[in-house]
Amino acid sequence: MKQGKEVENPESRFFAVLLAAAKLPGVRINREAYLRSALARHCSEEEIRRAIEETPAAAGIAVDLLDKVANDSIRYETAKVSALSAAAGIPGIFALPATVPADLAQYVGHMLRIAQKLAYLYSWPDLFDEEGEGVDDATMGVLTLFFGVMFGTQSANAAVGKVAGMMSKQVAKKLPQKALTKGVIYPIVKKSAAYLGVQMTKQSFAKGVSKAIPVIGAVVSGGLTLSTYLPMAKRLKKHLAGLPLADPSHRVMEEGDVVEGEVVEEHEAFASADAELHAPDITAVKLEDPRL
């Protein structure tokens, strides 16, 4: 996935924004620290230890409990991004060139934060390397598909389900590199990225116009963020919670088992559907401390 200077086409634009957001301070979630903090009030020390060393599913933690923890994190992240978005809407028209890109990167950064938290709760492996700021192609691929799920694209739903199925069958502790960078899944990653690039352009324009009027703009900007971020986070949560990886009967085998792309047959067809955004579910949000 190229992150060169050319960001004219929607696909390249999305990858450029995603990569930039991933490098922002505070965006990357430490899997061990998050799971330990999020599960502390609900699980025994042994369950937490196994959830970290293996997965929450392997630790036998019920999906219903994980759903409650996930809801805490969604409420926290939604309230946080809404407040920051509203603050970014205050400068007015003279600050538009600076605040619109920053707000978009900030927004995508918060999407990355909740995507990581939900992934770790529902037994996906660590998405980022602890060392360095780089993002490998497999991580870019799975995050793109997660974003596709958040935006309601059926092809991304199918692809995430396929990747989860591969990891569940082979009990992998790493992302399937080949499946996400070659074969039939990679084109879906590219298709999702192109769609997301277009959607982000539309959202940036709408938010930019709303910020032209300072005070009203702040209210509109924060409200727009709330009405989009919350249902998108809920959509990803619902999808990940229903995948095989989240099933408590899932058990981790030997460390180092990594499923590769050959699990997916080349002739296998994904359901092709044009991406459609569902109507936003605007719900009142009350800030709750998720412990991270």
Protein backbone atom coordinates (compact mmCIF):
# COMPACT_ATOMS: atom_id res chain seq x y z
CA MET A 1 0.00 0.00 0.00
CA LYS A 2 1.66 3.11 -1.17
CA GLN A 3 1.81 6.26 0.91
CA GLY A 4 3.67 8.40 -1.58
CA LYS A 5 3.25 12.04 -2.42
CA GLU A 6 0.33 11.41 -4.72
CA VAL A 7 -2.86 11.45 -2.73
CA GLU A 8 -5.17 12.61 -5.52
CA ASN A 9 -7.22 9.43 -5.85
CA PRO A 10 -9.57 8.44 -2.98
CA GLU A 11 -7.73 5.22 -2.17
CA SER A 12 -4.36 6.92 -1.74
CA ARG A 13 -5.99 9.78 0.16
CA PHE A 14 -7.52 7.38 2.67
CA PHE A 15 -4.28 5.47 3.22
CA ALA A 16 -2.40 8.76 3.68
CA VAL A 17 -4.89 9.98 6.32
CA LEU A 18 -4.92 6.61 8.07
CA LEU A 19 -1.13 6.48 8.24
CA ALA A 20 -0.91 10.07 9.50
CA ALA A 21 -3.56 9.43 12.16
CA ALA A 22 -1.78 6.27 13.31
CA LYS A 23 1.31 8.36 14.08
CA LEU A 24 -0.53 10.88 16.26
CA PRO A 25 0.32 10.80 19.98
CA GLY A 26 -2.09 8.72 22.04
CA VAL A 27 -3.67 6.92 19.11
CA ARG A 28 -2.03 3.54 19.54
CA ILE A 29 -3.51 1.45 22.32
CA ASN A 30 -1.26 -0.77 24.41
CA ARG A 31 -3.11 -4.08 24.27
CA GLU A 32 -1.83 -5.43 27.59
CA ALA A 33 -2.44 -2.23 29.54
CA TYR A 34 -5.90 -1.76 28.04
CA LEU A 35 -7.10 -5.30 28.70
CA ARG A 36 -5.74 -5.26 32.24
CA SER A 37 -7.45 -1.96 33.03
CA ALA A 38 -10.72 -2.63 31.20
CA LEU A 39 -11.21 -6.09 32.71
CA ALA A 40 -9.95 -5.29 36.23
CA ARG A 41 -13.40 -4.66 37.70
CA HIS A 42 -14.99 -7.70 36.09
CA CYS A 43 -12.52 -10.58 35.98
CA SER A 44 -10.16 -12.50 38.22
CA GLU A 45 -6.41 -11.99 37.98
CA GLU A 46 -6.06 -15.38 36.33
CA GLU A 47 -8.66 -14.55 33.70
CA ILE A 48 -6.95 -11.24 32.99
CA ARG A 49 -3.54 -12.91 32.75
CA ARG A 50 -4.82 -15.45 30.26
CA ALA A 51 -6.73 -12.82 28.28
CA ILE A 52 -3.47 -10.91 27.86
CA GLU A 53 -1.22 -13.88 27.17
CA GLU A 54 -3.74 -15.54 24.88
CA THR A 55 -7.15 -13.92 24.21
CA PRO A 56 -10.25 -12.92 26.21
CA ALA A 57 -12.12 -15.75 24.44
CA ALA A 58 -9.45 -18.27 25.43
CA ALA A 59 -9.76 -16.99 29.01
CA GLY A 60 -13.44 -17.99 28.90
CA ILE A 61 -14.73 -14.42 29.31
CA ALA A 62 -18.36 -14.27 28.20
CA VAL A 63 -19.29 -12.09 25.23
CA ASP A 64 -22.02 -10.42 27.31
CA LEU A 65 -19.37 -9.16 29.73
CA LEU A 66 -17.12 -8.04 26.89
CA ASP A 67 -20.08 -6.16 25.41
CA LYS A 68 -20.47 -4.17 28.64
CA VAL A 69 -16.77 -3.29 28.67
CA ALA A 70 -16.95 -2.38 24.98
CA ASN A 71 -19.90 -0.06 25.64
CA ASP A 72 -17.88 1.72 28.33
CA SER A 73 -15.05 2.31 25.88
CA ILE A 74 -17.42 3.46 23.13
CA ARG A 75 -19.08 5.99 25.44
CA TYR A 76 -15.71 7.30 26.58
CA GLU A 77 -14.23 7.64 23.10
CA THR A 78 -17.44 9.16 21.67
CA ALA A 79 -17.64 11.82 24.35
CA LYS A 80 -13.95 12.58 23.93
CA VAL A 81 -13.98 12.94 20.13
CA SER A 82 -17.19 15.01 20.24
CA ALA A 83 -15.68 17.47 22.70
CA LEU A 84 -12.48 17.80 20.66
CA SER A 85 -14.40 18.22 17.42
CA ALA A 86 -16.55 20.98 18.90
CA ALA A 87 -13.45 22.77 20.18
CA ALA A 88 -11.90 22.55 16.72
CA GLY A 89 -14.99 24.27 15.31
CA ILE A 90 -14.48 27.52 17.21
CA PRO A 91 -11.68 29.42 15.34
CA GLY A 92 -13.84 30.49 12.38
CA ILE A 93 -13.30 30.93 8.69
CA PHE A 94 -9.72 32.28 8.82
CA ALA A 95 -8.52 29.08 10.48
CA LEU A 96 -10.28 26.70 8.07
CA PRO A 97 -7.19 25.50 6.15
CA ALA A 98 -5.52 24.49 9.42
CA THR A 99 -8.42 23.11 11.43
CA VAL A 100 -10.17 20.97 8.84
CA PRO A 101 -7.21 18.62 8.14
CA ALA A 102 -6.34 18.50 11.83
CA ASP A 103 -9.91 17.67 12.76
CA LEU A 104 -10.06 14.91 10.15
CA ALA A 105 -6.82 13.37 11.39
CA GLN A 106 -8.07 13.68 14.97
CA TYR A 107 -11.36 12.04 14.06
CA VAL A 108 -9.65 9.17 12.25
CA GLY A 109 -7.29 8.84 15.21
CA HIS A 110 -10.26 8.28 17.52
CA MET A 111 -11.70 5.78 15.07
CA LEU A 112 -8.40 3.95 15.31
CA ARG A 113 -8.51 4.06 19.11
CA ILE A 114 -11.96 2.48 19.37
CA ALA A 115 -11.18 -0.01 16.60
CA GLN A 116 -8.14 -1.23 18.55
CA LYS A 117 -10.03 -1.44 21.85
CA LEU A 118 -12.88 -3.42 20.31
CA ALA A 119 -10.47 -5.67 18.44
CA TYR A 120 -8.53 -6.51 21.59
CA LEU A 121 -11.70 -7.18 23.60
CA TYR A 122 -13.01 -9.52 20.92
CA SER A 123 -9.76 -11.49 20.70
CA TRP A 124 -7.89 -9.99 17.74
CA PRO A 125 -4.09 -9.91 18.07
CA ASP A 126 -1.92 -6.85 18.65
CA LEU A 127 -2.32 -4.58 15.63
CA PHE A 128 0.78 -2.43 16.01
CA ASP A 129 4.43 -3.26 16.54
CA GLU A 130 5.60 -1.94 19.90
CA GLU A 131 8.74 -0.57 18.30
CA GLY A 132 8.72 2.13 15.67
CA GLU A 133 5.98 4.26 14.14
CA GLY A 134 5.54 2.23 10.98
CA VAL A 135 2.36 0.41 10.01
CA ASP A 136 2.72 -2.82 8.04
CA ASP A 137 0.48 -3.70 5.11
CA ALA A 138 -1.49 -6.36 7.00
CA THR A 139 -2.38 -3.90 9.76
CA MET A 140 -3.31 -1.24 7.20
CA GLY A 141 -5.47 -3.83 5.50
CA VAL A 142 -7.38 -5.00 8.56
CA LEU A 143 -7.86 -1.44 9.83
CA THR A 144 -9.24 -0.44 6.43
CA LEU A 145 -11.69 -3.32 6.62
CA PHE A 146 -12.65 -2.33 10.18
CA PHE A 147 -13.36 1.19 8.93
CA GLY A 148 -15.37 -0.31 6.08
CA VAL A 149 -17.50 -2.16 8.63
CA MET A 150 -17.96 1.07 10.58
CA PHE A 151 -19.17 2.80 7.41
CA GLY A 152 -21.56 -0.05 6.63
CA THR A 153 -19.97 -1.70 3.59
CA GLN A 154 -21.13 -5.29 3.14
CA SER A 155 -17.97 -6.38 1.32
CA ALA A 156 -15.85 -5.25 4.30
CA ASN A 157 -18.15 -7.18 6.64
CA ALA A 158 -17.61 -10.32 4.59
CA ALA A 159 -13.84 -9.81 4.41
CA VAL A 160 -13.47 -9.25 8.17
CA GLY A 161 -15.53 -12.37 8.75
CA LYS A 162 -13.24 -14.34 6.44
CA VAL A 163 -10.08 -13.12 8.15
CA ALA A 164 -11.56 -13.90 11.58
CA GLY A 165 -12.58 -17.35 10.38
CA MET A 166 -9.04 -18.09 9.21
CA MET A 167 -7.56 -16.97 12.51
CA SER A 168 -10.15 -18.91 14.50
CA LYS A 169 -9.57 -22.18 12.63
CA GLN A 170 -5.80 -21.98 12.84
CA VAL A 171 -5.76 -20.19 16.20
CA ALA A 172 -3.35 -17.58 14.90
CA LYS A 173 -1.76 -15.00 17.15
CA LYS A 174 -0.81 -12.73 14.27
CA LEU A 175 -2.72 -11.22 11.37
CA PRO A 176 -2.77 -13.34 8.20
CA GLN A 177 -0.26 -11.45 6.07
CA LYS A 178 -0.94 -13.10 2.72
CA ALA A 179 -4.71 -12.96 3.04
CA LEU A 180 -4.62 -9.22 3.67
CA THR A 181 -2.05 -8.33 1.03
CA LYS A 182 -2.73 -10.83 -1.78
CA GLY A 183 -5.53 -12.90 -3.26
CA VAL A 184 -9.21 -12.02 -3.03
CA ILE A 185 -9.16 -10.05 0.22
CA TYR A 186 -6.66 -7.41 -0.89
CA PRO A 187 -8.89 -6.09 -3.71
CA ILE A 188 -11.64 -5.64 -1.13
CA VAL A 189 -9.22 -3.67 1.03
CA LYS A 190 -8.47 -1.41 -1.95
CA LYS A 191 -12.15 -1.05 -2.81
CA SER A 192 -12.99 -0.15 0.78
CA ALA A 193 -10.14 2.37 0.92
CA ALA A 194 -11.39 4.09 -2.24
CA TYR A 195 -14.91 4.33 -0.85
CA LEU A 196 -13.68 5.63 2.50
CA GLY A 197 -11.52 8.23 0.77
CA VAL A 198 -14.61 9.61 -0.98
CA GLN A 199 -16.67 9.60 2.22
CA MET A 200 -13.97 11.41 4.17
CA THR A 201 -13.82 14.11 1.50
CA LYS A 202 -17.56 14.61 1.77
CA GLN A 203 -17.48 14.72 5.56
CA SER A 204 -14.53 17.13 5.59
CA PHE A 205 -16.36 19.48 3.25
CA ALA A 206 -19.55 19.41 5.31
CA LYS A 207 -17.67 20.00 8.55
CA GLY A 208 -15.59 22.73 6.93
CA VAL A 209 -18.71 24.62 5.91
CA SER A 210 -20.19 24.29 9.39
CA LYS A 211 -17.05 25.80 10.92
CA ALA A 212 -17.27 28.95 8.81
CA ILE A 213 -19.64 30.32 11.46
CA PRO A 214 -17.67 30.06 14.73
CA VAL A 215 -20.14 29.45 17.57
CA ILE A 216 -22.84 27.70 15.57
CA GLY A 217 -20.09 25.81 13.77
CA ALA A 218 -18.78 24.40 17.04
CA VAL A 219 -22.22 23.06 17.94
CA VAL A 220 -22.80 21.59 14.48
CA SER A 221 -19.32 20.09 14.30
CA GLY A 222 -19.61 18.37 17.68
CA GLY A 223 -23.14 17.18 16.90
CA LEU A 224 -22.08 15.84 13.52
CA THR A 225 -19.27 13.91 15.16
CA LEU A 226 -21.63 12.43 17.76
CA SER A 227 -24.19 11.41 15.15
CA THR A 228 -21.60 9.61 13.02
CA TYR A 229 -18.95 8.28 15.41
CA LEU A 230 -21.31 6.57 17.89
CA PRO A 231 -23.29 4.44 15.41
CA MET A 232 -20.09 3.55 13.53
CA ALA A 233 -18.44 2.31 16.73
CA LYS A 234 -21.57 0.34 17.62
CA ARG A 235 -21.61 -1.21 14.16
CA LEU A 236 -18.03 -2.47 14.49
CA LYS A 237 -18.69 -3.74 17.99
CA LYS A 238 -21.73 -5.73 16.87
CA HIS A 239 -19.84 -7.29 13.98
CA LEU A 240 -16.72 -8.25 15.96
CA ALA A 241 -18.78 -9.64 18.84
CA GLY A 242 -20.53 -12.06 16.50
CA LEU A 243 -17.37 -13.51 14.95
CA PRO A 244 -15.80 -16.89 15.87
CA LEU A 245 -12.83 -15.19 17.54
CA ALA A 246 -15.09 -13.79 20.26
CA ASP A 247 -16.54 -17.19 21.16
CA PRO A 248 -15.37 -18.28 24.64
CA SER A 249 -15.05 -21.84 23.33
CA HIS A 250 -12.15 -20.57 21.20
CA ARG A 251 -8.87 -21.82 22.65
CA VAL A 252 -5.33 -20.80 21.80
CA MET A 253 -3.00 -23.65 20.82
CA GLU A 254 0.70 -23.45 20.29
CA GLU A 255 2.26 -20.01 20.04
CA GLY A 256 3.44 -19.10 16.58
CA ASP A 257 0.59 -20.65 14.59
CA VAL A 258 -0.05 -18.20 11.79
CA VAL A 259 -2.66 -18.73 9.11
CA GLU A 260 -1.69 -17.56 5.67
CA GLY A 261 -3.67 -16.56 2.63
CA GLU A 262 -3.95 -20.01 1.09
CA VAL A 263 -6.95 -20.64 3.32
CA VAL A 264 -8.94 -18.39 1.01
CA GLU A 265 -9.50 -19.93 -2.39
CA GLU A 266 -8.90 -17.69 -5.37
CA HIS A 267 -12.22 -18.59 -6.95
CA GLU A 268 -14.15 -17.74 -3.81
CA ALA A 269 -16.48 -14.83 -4.35
CA PHE A 270 -17.40 -12.22 -1.78
CA ALA A 271 -20.82 -10.67 -1.90
CA SER A 272 -20.37 -7.49 -3.86
CA ALA A 273 -22.46 -4.62 -2.67
CA ASP A 274 -22.09 -0.92 -3.06
CA ALA A 275 -21.31 0.65 0.28
CA GLU A 276 -24.26 2.12 2.04
CA LEU A 277 -24.23 4.11 5.24
CA HIS A 278 -26.96 3.26 7.66
CA ALA A 279 -29.01 6.08 9.18
CA PRO A 280 -27.14 7.47 12.19
CA ASP A 281 -28.38 6.31 15.55
CA ILE A 282 -28.16 9.47 17.64
CA THR A 283 -28.05 8.42 21.25
CA ALA A 284 -27.38 10.50 24.34
CA VAL A 285 -23.91 9.77 25.63
CA LYS A 286 -22.85 9.92 29.25
CA LEU A 287 -19.13 9.88 29.96
CA GLU A 288 -17.98 6.84 31.86
CA ASP A 289 -14.41 6.14 32.82
CA PRO A 290 -13.29 3.01 30.92
CA ARG A 291 -10.03 3.02 32.82
CA LEU A 292 -8.16 3.92 29.62
